[in-house]
């Protein structure tokens, strides 16, 4: 079964990308595979920009939190509820992360 070139272009932009921006489907219709290949960059994909710390920094913060909890437990100190503290840490920058990712999806030239 042969798929129409217009459908192939739409699939290339919407299924494999972040969604079609104005004019992108039309630019992909001529050569959908070439359009996808042209999206791949040697320097890697664009990354969201936010004022929030990155994943590595958050991971290190969480590991430090775990160490503090372990040390407190060994010394007999009473700390606040660890589940509530972990939830608070996870919620702290979620909004900024979400907005940064949405801005990236709406503005990047390479959505694949």
PDB file of N, CA and C in Angstrom:
ATOM      1  N   UNK A   1       0.844  -1.184   0.000  1.00  0.00           N
ATOM      2  CA  UNK A   1       0.000   0.000   0.000  1.00  0.00           C
ATOM      3  C   UNK A   1       0.884   1.241   0.000  1.00  0.00           C
ATOM      4  N   UNK A   2       0.686   2.089  -0.953  1.00  0.00           N
ATOM      5  CA  UNK A   2       1.472   3.310  -1.096  1.00  0.00           C
ATOM      6  C   UNK A   2       0.810   4.459  -0.341  1.00  0.00           C
ATOM      7  N   UNK A   3       1.596   5.175   0.413  1.00  0.00           N
ATOM      8  CA  UNK A   3       1.071   6.319   1.165  1.00  0.00           C
ATOM      9  C   UNK A   3       1.378   7.591   0.387  1.00  0.00           C
ATOM     10  N   UNK A   4       0.398   8.439   0.261  1.00  0.00           N
ATOM     11  CA  UNK A   4       0.511   9.718  -0.424  1.00  0.00           C
ATOM     12  C   UNK A   4       1.661  10.545   0.168  1.00  0.00           C
ATOM     13  N   UNK A   5       2.392  11.271  -0.674  1.00  0.00           N
ATOM     14  CA  UNK A   5       3.535  12.087  -0.242  1.00  0.00           C
ATOM     15  C   UNK A   5       3.118  13.147   0.785  1.00  0.00           C
ATOM     16  N   UNK A   6       1.920  13.700   0.642  1.00  0.00           N
ATOM     17  CA  UNK A   6       1.432  14.688   1.618  1.00  0.00           C
ATOM     18  C   UNK A   6       1.274  14.050   2.997  1.00  0.00           C
ATOM     19  N   UNK A   7       0.764  12.818   3.001  1.00  0.00           N
ATOM     20  CA  UNK A   7       0.594  12.101   4.271  1.00  0.00           C
ATOM     21  C   UNK A   7       1.964  11.762   4.856  1.00  0.00           C
ATOM     22  N   UNK A   8       2.898  11.347   4.010  1.00  0.00           N
ATOM     23  CA  UNK A   8       4.243  11.043   4.491  1.00  0.00           C
ATOM     24  C   UNK A   8       4.893  12.278   5.127  1.00  0.00           C
ATOM     25  N   UNK A   9       4.720  13.420   4.493  1.00  0.00           N
ATOM     26  CA  UNK A   9       5.265  14.661   5.048  1.00  0.00           C
ATOM     27  C   UNK A   9       4.646  14.996   6.387  1.00  0.00           C
ATOM     28  N   UNK A  10       3.336  14.834   6.491  1.00  0.00           N
ATOM     29  CA  UNK A  10       2.642  15.110   7.758  1.00  0.00           C
ATOM     30  C   UNK A  10       3.093  14.151   8.842  1.00  0.00           C
ATOM     31  N   UNK A  11       3.271  12.894   8.484  1.00  0.00           N
ATOM     32  CA  UNK A  11       3.732  11.901   9.454  1.00  0.00           C
ATOM     33  C   UNK A  11       5.146  12.243   9.927  1.00  0.00           C
ATOM     34  N   UNK A  12       6.012  12.608   8.998  1.00  0.00           N
ATOM     35  CA  UNK A  12       7.395  12.935   9.360  1.00  0.00           C
ATOM     36  C   UNK A  12       7.445  14.062  10.386  1.00  0.00           C
ATOM     37  N   UNK A  13       6.628  15.077  10.182  1.00  0.00           N
ATOM     38  CA  UNK A  13       6.661  16.247  11.067  1.00  0.00           C
ATOM     39  C   UNK A  13       5.935  15.994  12.381  1.00  0.00           C
ATOM     40  N   UNK A  14       4.804  15.326  12.331  1.00  0.00           N
ATOM     41  CA  UNK A  14       4.006  15.190  13.554  1.00  0.00           C
ATOM     42  C   UNK A  14       4.318  13.947  14.364  1.00  0.00           C
ATOM     43  N   UNK A  15       4.571  12.837  13.726  1.00  0.00           N
ATOM     44  CA  UNK A  15       4.814  11.607  14.479  1.00  0.00           C
ATOM     45  C   UNK A  15       6.228  11.549  15.040  1.00  0.00           C
ATOM     46  N   UNK A  16       7.183  12.000  14.259  1.00  0.00           N
ATOM     47  CA  UNK A  16       8.574  11.895  14.675  1.00  0.00           C
ATOM     48  C   UNK A  16       9.118  13.194  15.259  1.00  0.00           C
ATOM     49  N   UNK A  17       8.326  14.228  15.250  1.00  0.00           N
ATOM     50  CA  UNK A  17       8.789  15.508  15.768  1.00  0.00           C
ATOM     51  C   UNK A  17       7.960  15.975  16.940  1.00  0.00           C
ATOM     52  N   UNK A  18       8.145  17.217  17.287  1.00  0.00           N
ATOM     53  CA  UNK A  18       7.410  17.821  18.399  1.00  0.00           C
ATOM     54  C   UNK A  18       6.054  18.351  17.957  1.00  0.00           C
ATOM     55  N   UNK A  19       5.752  18.220  16.683  1.00  0.00           N
ATOM     56  CA  UNK A  19       4.500  18.744  16.144  1.00  0.00           C
ATOM     57  C   UNK A  19       4.819  19.765  15.074  1.00  0.00           C
ATOM     58  N   UNK A  20       3.893  19.948  14.187  1.00  0.00           N
ATOM     59  CA  UNK A  20       4.125  20.817  13.043  1.00  0.00           C
ATOM     60  C   UNK A  20       4.021  22.284  13.417  1.00  0.00           C
ATOM     61  N   UNK A  21       5.009  23.047  12.966  1.00  0.00           N
ATOM     62  CA  UNK A  21       4.935  24.499  13.050  1.00  0.00           C
ATOM     63  C   UNK A  21       4.434  24.985  11.695  1.00  0.00           C
ATOM     64  N   UNK A  22       4.098  26.228  11.611  1.00  0.00           N
ATOM     65  CA  UNK A  22       3.571  26.788  10.364  1.00  0.00           C
ATOM     66  C   UNK A  22       4.522  26.510   9.205  1.00  0.00           C
ATOM     67  N   UNK A  23       4.021  25.892   8.152  1.00  0.00           N
ATOM     68  CA  UNK A  23       4.792  25.630   6.950  1.00  0.00           C
ATOM     69  C   UNK A  23       5.673  24.399   6.981  1.00  0.00           C
ATOM     70  N   UNK A  24       5.798  23.742   8.115  1.00  0.00           N
ATOM     71  CA  UNK A  24       6.712  22.599   8.197  1.00  0.00           C
ATOM     72  C   UNK A  24       6.234  21.391   7.395  1.00  0.00           C
ATOM     73  N   UNK A  25       4.956  21.119   7.407  1.00  0.00           N
ATOM     74  CA  UNK A  25       4.469  19.971   6.642  1.00  0.00           C
ATOM     75  C   UNK A  25       4.744  20.189   5.161  1.00  0.00           C
ATOM     76  N   UNK A  26       4.484  21.390   4.687  1.00  0.00           N
ATOM     77  CA  UNK A  26       4.732  21.694   3.275  1.00  0.00           C
ATOM     78  C   UNK A  26       6.209  21.518   2.928  1.00  0.00           C
ATOM     79  N   UNK A  27       7.103  21.876   3.847  1.00  0.00           N
ATOM     80  CA  UNK A  27       8.528  21.728   3.558  1.00  0.00           C
ATOM     81  C   UNK A  27       8.968  20.270   3.611  1.00  0.00           C
ATOM     82  N   UNK A  28       8.250  19.429   4.338  1.00  0.00           N
ATOM     83  CA  UNK A  28       8.609  18.016   4.455  1.00  0.00           C
ATOM     84  C   UNK A  28       8.000  17.155   3.355  1.00  0.00           C
ATOM     85  N   UNK A  29       6.980  17.634   2.677  1.00  0.00           N
ATOM     86  CA  UNK A  29       6.264  16.838   1.679  1.00  0.00           C
ATOM     87  C   UNK A  29       7.179  16.419   0.527  1.00  0.00           C
ATOM     88  N   UNK A  30       8.064  17.279   0.077  1.00  0.00           N
ATOM     89  CA  UNK A  30       8.937  16.959  -1.047  1.00  0.00           C
ATOM     90  C   UNK A  30       9.853  15.778  -0.782  1.00  0.00           C
ATOM     91  N   UNK A  31      10.358  15.680   0.435  1.00  0.00           N
ATOM     92  CA  UNK A  31      11.291  14.606   0.794  1.00  0.00           C
ATOM     93  C   UNK A  31      11.185  14.356   2.305  1.00  0.00           C
ATOM     94  N   UNK A  32      10.155  13.608   2.742  1.00  0.00           N
ATOM     95  CA  UNK A  32       9.956  13.381   4.176  1.00  0.00           C
ATOM     96  C   UNK A  32      11.164  12.774   4.885  1.00  0.00           C
ATOM     97  N   UNK A  33      11.797  11.785   4.259  1.00  0.00           N
ATOM     98  CA  UNK A  33      12.974  11.160   4.877  1.00  0.00           C
ATOM     99  C   UNK A  33      14.133  12.149   4.956  1.00  0.00           C
ATOM    100  N   UNK A  34      14.319  12.915   3.901  1.00  0.00           N
ATOM    101  CA  UNK A  34      15.370  13.940   3.888  1.00  0.00           C
ATOM    102  C   UNK A  34      15.102  15.017   4.923  1.00  0.00           C
ATOM    103  N   UNK A  35      13.833  15.366   5.100  1.00  0.00           N
ATOM    104  CA  UNK A  35      13.469  16.364   6.110  1.00  0.00           C
ATOM    105  C   UNK A  35      13.861  15.858   7.496  1.00  0.00           C
ATOM    106  N   UNK A  36      13.539  14.595   7.778  1.00  0.00           N
ATOM    107  CA  UNK A  36      13.901  14.017   9.074  1.00  0.00           C
ATOM    108  C   UNK A  36      15.418  13.963   9.244  1.00  0.00           C
ATOM    109  N   UNK A  37      16.121  13.524   8.225  1.00  0.00           N
ATOM    110  CA  UNK A  37      17.578  13.450   8.296  1.00  0.00           C
ATOM    111  C   UNK A  37      18.177  14.839   8.522  1.00  0.00           C
ATOM    112  N   UNK A  38      17.593  15.841   7.895  1.00  0.00           N
ATOM    113  CA  UNK A  38      18.065  17.222   8.066  1.00  0.00           C
ATOM    114  C   UNK A  38      17.847  17.772   9.466  1.00  0.00           C
ATOM    115  N   UNK A  39      16.983  17.138  10.219  1.00  0.00           N
ATOM    116  CA  UNK A  39      16.717  17.571  11.596  1.00  0.00           C
ATOM    117  C   UNK A  39      17.807  17.114  12.571  1.00  0.00           C
ATOM    118  N   UNK A  40      18.555  16.105  12.181  1.00  0.00           N
ATOM    119  CA  UNK A  40      19.579  15.548  13.069  1.00  0.00           C
ATOM    120  C   UNK A  40      20.810  16.445  13.035  1.00  0.00           C
ATOM    121  N   UNK A  41      21.240  16.861  14.214  1.00  0.00           N
ATOM    122  CA  UNK A  41      22.382  17.768  14.326  1.00  0.00           C
ATOM    123  C   UNK A  41      23.550  17.067  15.004  1.00  0.00           C
ATOM    124  N   UNK A  42      24.731  17.333  14.526  1.00  0.00           N
ATOM    125  CA  UNK A  42      25.914  16.712  15.128  1.00  0.00           C
ATOM    126  C   UNK A  42      26.125  17.173  16.568  1.00  0.00           C
ATOM    127  N   UNK A  43      25.699  18.391  16.891  1.00  0.00           N
ATOM    128  CA  UNK A  43      25.872  18.899  18.256  1.00  0.00           C
ATOM    129  C   UNK A  43      24.766  18.423  19.198  1.00  0.00           C
ATOM    130  N   UNK A  44      23.822  17.652  18.690  1.00  0.00           N
ATOM    131  CA  UNK A  44      22.739  17.130  19.518  1.00  0.00           C
ATOM    132  C   UNK A  44      21.508  18.017  19.450  1.00  0.00           C
ATOM    133  N   UNK A  45      20.495  17.578  20.138  1.00  0.00           N
ATOM    134  CA  UNK A  45      19.209  18.280  20.123  1.00  0.00           C
ATOM    135  C   UNK A  45      19.259  19.534  20.981  1.00  0.00           C
ATOM    136  N   UNK A  46      18.406  20.491  20.645  1.00  0.00           N
ATOM    137  CA  UNK A  46      18.246  21.673  21.487  1.00  0.00           C
ATOM    138  C   UNK A  46      17.772  21.233  22.861  1.00  0.00           C
ATOM    139  N   UNK A  47      18.179  21.948  23.869  1.00  0.00           N
ATOM    140  CA  UNK A  47      17.790  21.624  25.231  1.00  0.00           C
ATOM    141  C   UNK A  47      16.934  22.752  25.802  1.00  0.00           C
ATOM    142  N   UNK A  48      15.987  22.407  26.672  1.00  0.00           N
ATOM    143  CA  UNK A  48      15.166  23.444  27.286  1.00  0.00           C
ATOM    144  C   UNK A  48      16.019  24.384  28.128  1.00  0.00           C
ATOM    145  N   UNK A  49      15.669  25.636  28.115  1.00  0.00           N
ATOM    146  CA  UNK A  49      16.365  26.637  28.924  1.00  0.00           C
ATOM    147  C   UNK A  49      15.445  27.037  30.066  1.00  0.00           C
ATOM    148  N   UNK A  50      15.963  26.910  31.241  1.00  0.00           N
ATOM    149  CA  UNK A  50      15.189  27.304  32.423  1.00  0.00           C
ATOM    150  C   UNK A  50      16.159  27.781  33.486  1.00  0.00           C
ATOM    151  N   UNK A  51      15.634  28.526  34.419  1.00  0.00           N
ATOM    152  CA  UNK A  51      16.454  28.998  35.521  1.00  0.00           C
ATOM    153  C   UNK A  51      16.623  27.913  36.573  1.00  0.00           C
ATOM    154  N   UNK A  52      15.933  26.818  36.385  1.00  0.00           N
ATOM    155  CA  UNK A  52      15.970  25.721  37.348  1.00  0.00           C
ATOM    156  C   UNK A  52      17.249  24.904  37.162  1.00  0.00           C
ATOM    157  N   UNK A  53      17.675  24.214  38.206  1.00  0.00           N
ATOM    158  CA  UNK A  53      18.850  23.352  38.067  1.00  0.00           C
ATOM    159  C   UNK A  53      18.573  22.202  37.112  1.00  0.00           C
ATOM    160  N   UNK A  54      19.618  21.665  36.514  1.00  0.00           N
ATOM    161  CA  UNK A  54      19.480  20.549  35.600  1.00  0.00           C
ATOM    162  C   UNK A  54      19.344  19.228  36.337  1.00  0.00           C
ATOM    163  N   UNK A  55      19.161  18.172  35.567  1.00  0.00           N
ATOM    164  CA  UNK A  55      18.955  16.842  36.143  1.00  0.00           C
ATOM    165  C   UNK A  55      20.132  16.407  37.001  1.00  0.00           C
ATOM    166  N   UNK A  56      21.355  16.632  36.524  1.00  0.00           N
ATOM    167  CA  UNK A  56      22.534  16.199  37.277  1.00  0.00           C
ATOM    168  C   UNK A  56      22.600  16.921  38.625  1.00  0.00           C
ATOM    169  N   UNK A  57      22.326  18.209  38.610  1.00  0.00           N
ATOM    170  CA  UNK A  57      22.350  18.980  39.862  1.00  0.00           C
ATOM    171  C   UNK A  57      21.253  18.503  40.817  1.00  0.00           C
ATOM    172  N   UNK A  58      20.076  18.246  40.277  1.00  0.00           N
ATOM    173  CA  UNK A  58      18.982  17.745  41.124  1.00  0.00           C
ATOM    174  C   UNK A  58      19.315  16.372  41.698  1.00  0.00           C
ATOM    175  N   UNK A  59      19.918  15.537  40.889  1.00  0.00           N
ATOM    176  CA  UNK A  59      20.306  14.213  41.365  1.00  0.00           C
ATOM    177  C   UNK A  59      21.297  14.347  42.518  1.00  0.00           C
ATOM    178  N   UNK A  60      22.283  15.224  42.349  1.00  0.00           N
ATOM    179  CA  UNK A  60      23.265  15.435  43.415  1.00  0.00           C
ATOM    180  C   UNK A  60      22.606  15.981  44.679  1.00  0.00           C
ATOM    181  N   UNK A  61      21.643  16.890  44.521  1.00  0.00           N
ATOM    182  CA  UNK A  61      20.909  17.417  45.672  1.00  0.00           C
ATOM    183  C   UNK A  61      20.139  16.297  46.379  1.00  0.00           C
ATOM    184  N   UNK A  62      19.516  15.435  45.594  1.00  0.00           N
ATOM    185  CA  UNK A  62      18.757  14.339  46.186  1.00  0.00           C
ATOM    186  C   UNK A  62      19.682  13.368  46.904  1.00  0.00           C
ATOM    187  N   UNK A  63      20.849  13.078  46.314  1.00  0.00           N
ATOM    188  CA  UNK A  63      21.816  12.194  46.975  1.00  0.00           C
ATOM    189  C   UNK A  63      22.298  12.815  48.290  1.00  0.00           C
ATOM    190  N   UNK A  64      22.522  14.119  48.300  1.00  0.00           N
ATOM    191  CA  UNK A  64      22.926  14.804  49.535  1.00  0.00           C
ATOM    192  C   UNK A  64      21.813  14.704  50.577  1.00  0.00           C
ATOM    193  N   UNK A  65      20.568  14.866  50.127  1.00  0.00           N
ATOM    194  CA  UNK A  65      19.417  14.724  51.025  1.00  0.00           C
ATOM    195  C   UNK A  65      19.386  13.317  51.625  1.00  0.00           C
ATOM    196  N   UNK A  66      19.590  12.302  50.787  1.00  0.00           N
ATOM    197  CA  UNK A  66      19.595  10.921  51.277  1.00  0.00           C
ATOM    198  C   UNK A  66      20.700  10.711  52.311  1.00  0.00           C
ATOM    199  N   UNK A  67      21.871  11.283  52.055  1.00  0.00           N
ATOM    200  CA  UNK A  67      22.984  11.151  53.001  1.00  0.00           C
ATOM    201  C   UNK A  67      22.633  11.835  54.322  1.00  0.00           C
ATOM    202  N   UNK A  68      22.043  13.030  54.246  1.00  0.00           N
ATOM    203  CA  UNK A  68      21.630  13.734  55.469  1.00  0.00           C
ATOM    204  C   UNK A  68      20.622  12.905  56.260  1.00  0.00           C
ATOM    205  N   UNK A  69      19.674  12.303  55.558  1.00  0.00           N
ATOM    206  CA  UNK A  69      18.670  11.455  56.234  1.00  0.00           C
ATOM    207  C   UNK A  69      19.332  10.262  56.914  1.00  0.00           C
ATOM    208  N   UNK A  70      20.260   9.631  56.187  1.00  0.00           N
ATOM    209  CA  UNK A  70      20.948   8.472  56.745  1.00  0.00           C
ATOM    210  C   UNK A  70      21.761   8.871  57.982  1.00  0.00           C
ATOM    211  N   UNK A  71      22.483   9.998  57.882  1.00  0.00           N
ATOM    212  CA  UNK A  71      23.280  10.482  59.018  1.00  0.00           C
ATOM    213  C   UNK A  71      22.383  10.829  60.206  1.00  0.00           C
ATOM    214  N   UNK A  72      21.247  11.460  59.926  1.00  0.00           N
ATOM    215  CA  UNK A  72      20.318  11.819  60.997  1.00  0.00           C
ATOM    216  C   UNK A  72      19.765  10.575  61.676  1.00  0.00           C
ATOM    217  N   UNK A  73      19.457   9.576  60.891  1.00  0.00           N
ATOM    218  CA  UNK A  73      18.923   8.331  61.437  1.00  0.00           C
ATOM    219  C   UNK A  73      19.961   7.647  62.328  1.00  0.00           C
ATOM    220  N   UNK A  74      21.215   7.620  61.860  1.00  0.00           N
ATOM    221  CA  UNK A  74      22.285   6.994  62.642  1.00  0.00           C
ATOM    222  C   UNK A  74      22.561   7.738  63.949  1.00  0.00           C
ATOM    223  N   UNK A  75      22.420   9.061  63.918  1.00  0.00           N
ATOM    224  CA  UNK A  75      22.690   9.851  65.124  1.00  0.00           C
ATOM    225  C   UNK A  75      21.467   9.981  66.025  1.00  0.00           C
ATOM    226  N   UNK A  76      20.317   9.477  65.571  1.00  0.00           N
ATOM    227  CA  UNK A  76      19.108   9.537  66.386  1.00  0.00           C
ATOM    228  C   UNK A  76      18.351  10.845  66.276  1.00  0.00           C
ATOM    229  N   UNK A  77      18.761  11.722  65.364  1.00  0.00           N
ATOM    230  CA  UNK A  77      18.045  12.988  65.155  1.00  0.00           C
ATOM    231  C   UNK A  77      16.683  12.724  64.524  1.00  0.00           C
ATOM    232  N   UNK A  78      15.749  13.546  64.876  1.00  0.00           N
ATOM    233  CA  UNK A  78      14.421  13.451  64.268  1.00  0.00           C
ATOM    234  C   UNK A  78      14.331  14.527  63.198  1.00  0.00           C
ATOM    235  N   UNK A  79      14.069  14.114  61.988  1.00  0.00           N
ATOM    236  CA  UNK A  79      13.895  15.059  60.870  1.00  0.00           C
ATOM    237  C   UNK A  79      12.449  14.993  60.410  1.00  0.00           C
ATOM    238  N   UNK A  80      12.090  15.904  59.546  1.00  0.00           N
ATOM    239  CA  UNK A  80      10.723  15.908  59.033  1.00  0.00           C
ATOM    240  C   UNK A  80      10.473  14.663  58.175  1.00  0.00           C
ATOM    241  N   UNK A  81       9.221  14.461  57.842  1.00  0.00           N
ATOM    242  CA  UNK A  81       8.788  13.301  57.066  1.00  0.00           C
ATOM    243  C   UNK A  81       9.545  13.234  55.736  1.00  0.00           C
ATOM    244  N   UNK A  82      10.292  12.159  55.473  1.00  0.00           N
ATOM    245  CA  UNK A  82      11.092  12.083  54.249  1.00  0.00           C
ATOM    246  C   UNK A  82      10.257  12.063  52.973  1.00  0.00           C
ATOM    247  N   UNK A  83       9.073  11.485  53.031  1.00  0.00           N
ATOM    248  CA  UNK A  83       8.219  11.452  51.842  1.00  0.00           C
ATOM    249  C   UNK A  83       7.776  12.865  51.484  1.00  0.00           C
ATOM    250  N   UNK A  84       7.388  13.642  52.496  1.00  0.00           N
ATOM    251  CA  UNK A  84       6.972  15.024  52.241  1.00  0.00           C
ATOM    252  C   UNK A  84       8.140  15.862  51.729  1.00  0.00           C
ATOM    253  N   UNK A  85       9.321  15.647  52.293  1.00  0.00           N
ATOM    254  CA  UNK A  85      10.495  16.401  51.853  1.00  0.00           C
ATOM    255  C   UNK A  85      10.846  16.060  50.398  1.00  0.00           C
ATOM    256  N   UNK A  86      10.801  14.784  50.056  1.00  0.00           N
ATOM    257  CA  UNK A  86      11.111  14.372  48.681  1.00  0.00           C
ATOM    258  C   UNK A  86      10.083  14.955  47.715  1.00  0.00           C
ATOM    259  N   UNK A  87       8.814  14.912  48.093  1.00  0.00           N
ATOM    260  CA  UNK A  87       7.758  15.470  47.236  1.00  0.00           C
ATOM    261  C   UNK A  87       7.967  16.971  47.043  1.00  0.00           C
ATOM    262  N   UNK A  88       8.342  17.651  48.096  1.00  0.00           N
ATOM    263  CA  UNK A  88       8.593  19.099  48.007  1.00  0.00           C
ATOM    264  C   UNK A  88       9.748  19.380  47.056  1.00  0.00           C
ATOM    265  N   UNK A  89      10.802  18.582  47.150  1.00  0.00           N
ATOM    266  CA  UNK A  89      11.947  18.762  46.259  1.00  0.00           C
ATOM    267  C   UNK A  89      11.550  18.547  44.801  1.00  0.00           C
ATOM    268  N   UNK A  90      10.736  17.546  44.544  1.00  0.00           N
ATOM    269  CA  UNK A  90      10.326  17.242  43.172  1.00  0.00           C
ATOM    270  C   UNK A  90       9.401  18.307  42.593  1.00  0.00           C
ATOM    271  N   UNK A  91       8.546  18.881  43.434  1.00  0.00           N
ATOM    272  CA  UNK A  91       7.599  19.902  42.970  1.00  0.00           C
ATOM    273  C   UNK A  91       8.244  21.263  42.767  1.00  0.00           C
ATOM    274  N   UNK A  92       9.339  21.505  43.423  1.00  0.00           N
ATOM    275  CA  UNK A  92       9.923  22.843  43.467  1.00  0.00           C
ATOM    276  C   UNK A  92      10.089  23.480  42.085  1.00  0.00           C
ATOM    277  N   UNK A  93      10.604  22.755  41.134  1.00  0.00           N
ATOM    278  CA  UNK A  93      10.897  23.341  39.824  1.00  0.00           C
ATOM    279  C   UNK A  93      10.116  22.732  38.679  1.00  0.00           C
ATOM    280  N   UNK A  94       9.093  21.957  38.983  1.00  0.00           N
ATOM    281  CA  UNK A  94       8.332  21.283  37.935  1.00  0.00           C
ATOM    282  C   UNK A  94       7.689  22.279  36.970  1.00  0.00           C
ATOM    283  N   UNK A  95       7.123  23.349  37.491  1.00  0.00           N
ATOM    284  CA  UNK A  95       6.482  24.348  36.631  1.00  0.00           C
ATOM    285  C   UNK A  95       7.462  24.984  35.666  1.00  0.00           C
ATOM    286  N   UNK A  96       8.629  25.359  36.170  1.00  0.00           N
ATOM    287  CA  UNK A  96       9.645  25.964  35.308  1.00  0.00           C
ATOM    288  C   UNK A  96      10.131  24.976  34.257  1.00  0.00           C
ATOM    289  N   UNK A  97      10.302  23.724  34.646  1.00  0.00           N
ATOM    290  CA  UNK A  97      10.714  22.693  33.688  1.00  0.00           C
ATOM    291  C   UNK A  97       9.684  22.538  32.579  1.00  0.00           C
ATOM    292  N   UNK A  98       8.422  22.465  32.966  1.00  0.00           N
ATOM    293  CA  UNK A  98       7.347  22.286  31.990  1.00  0.00           C
ATOM    294  C   UNK A  98       7.331  23.449  30.995  1.00  0.00           C
ATOM    295  N   UNK A  99       7.389  24.668  31.504  1.00  0.00           N
ATOM    296  CA  UNK A  99       7.370  25.837  30.618  1.00  0.00           C
ATOM    297  C   UNK A  99       8.583  25.859  29.687  1.00  0.00           C
ATOM    298  N   UNK A 100       9.744  25.522  30.207  1.00  0.00           N
ATOM    299  CA  UNK A 100      10.945  25.508  29.377  1.00  0.00           C
ATOM    300  C   UNK A 100      10.816  24.485  28.250  1.00  0.00           C
ATOM    301  N   UNK A 101      10.269  23.325  28.563  1.00  0.00           N
ATOM    302  CA  UNK A 101      10.104  22.293  27.536  1.00  0.00           C
ATOM    303  C   UNK A 101       9.060  22.703  26.499  1.00  0.00           C
ATOM    304  N   UNK A 102       7.998  23.357  26.928  1.00  0.00           N
ATOM    305  CA  UNK A 102       6.975  23.810  25.987  1.00  0.00           C
ATOM    306  C   UNK A 102       7.510  24.922  25.092  1.00  0.00           C
ATOM    307  N   UNK A 103       8.296  25.830  25.656  1.00  0.00           N
ATOM    308  CA  UNK A 103       8.915  26.881  24.835  1.00  0.00           C
ATOM    309  C   UNK A 103       9.829  26.266  23.784  1.00  0.00           C
ATOM    310  N   UNK A 104      10.608  25.288  24.188  1.00  0.00           N
ATOM    311  CA  UNK A 104      11.502  24.611  23.256  1.00  0.00           C
ATOM    312  C   UNK A 104      10.704  23.953  22.142  1.00  0.00           C
ATOM    313  N   UNK A 105       9.668  23.230  22.496  1.00  0.00           N
ATOM    314  CA  UNK A 105       8.856  22.540  21.486  1.00  0.00           C
ATOM    315  C   UNK A 105       8.246  23.517  20.496  1.00  0.00           C
ATOM    316  N   UNK A 106       7.885  24.705  20.962  1.00  0.00           N
ATOM    317  CA  UNK A 106       7.239  25.692  20.090  1.00  0.00           C
ATOM    318  C   UNK A 106       8.229  26.472  19.242  1.00  0.00           C
ATOM    319  N   UNK A 107       9.499  26.521  19.625  1.00  0.00           N
ATOM    320  CA  UNK A 107      10.419  27.404  18.936  1.00  0.00           C
ATOM    321  C   UNK A 107      11.591  26.728  18.230  1.00  0.00           C
ATOM    322  N   UNK A 108      11.899  25.488  18.560  1.00  0.00           N
ATOM    323  CA  UNK A 108      13.079  24.857  17.970  1.00  0.00           C
ATOM    324  C   UNK A 108      12.920  24.663  16.471  1.00  0.00           C
ATOM    325  N   UNK A 109      14.020  24.828  15.785  1.00  0.00           N
ATOM    326  CA  UNK A 109      14.039  24.600  14.332  1.00  0.00           C
ATOM    327  C   UNK A 109      14.167  23.106  14.027  1.00  0.00           C
ATOM    328  N   UNK A 110      14.633  22.336  15.008  1.00  0.00           N
ATOM    329  CA  UNK A 110      14.833  20.899  14.803  1.00  0.00           C
ATOM    330  C   UNK A 110      13.967  20.139  15.797  1.00  0.00           C
ATOM    331  N   UNK A 111      12.731  19.883  15.417  1.00  0.00           N
ATOM    332  CA  UNK A 111      11.789  19.235  16.314  1.00  0.00           C
ATOM    333  C   UNK A 111      11.886  17.729  16.365  1.00  0.00           C
ATOM    334  N   UNK A 112      12.768  17.154  15.544  1.00  0.00           N
ATOM    335  CA  UNK A 112      12.911  15.686  15.545  1.00  0.00           C
ATOM    336  C   UNK A 112      14.095  15.304  16.391  1.00  0.00           C
TER     337      UNK A 112
END
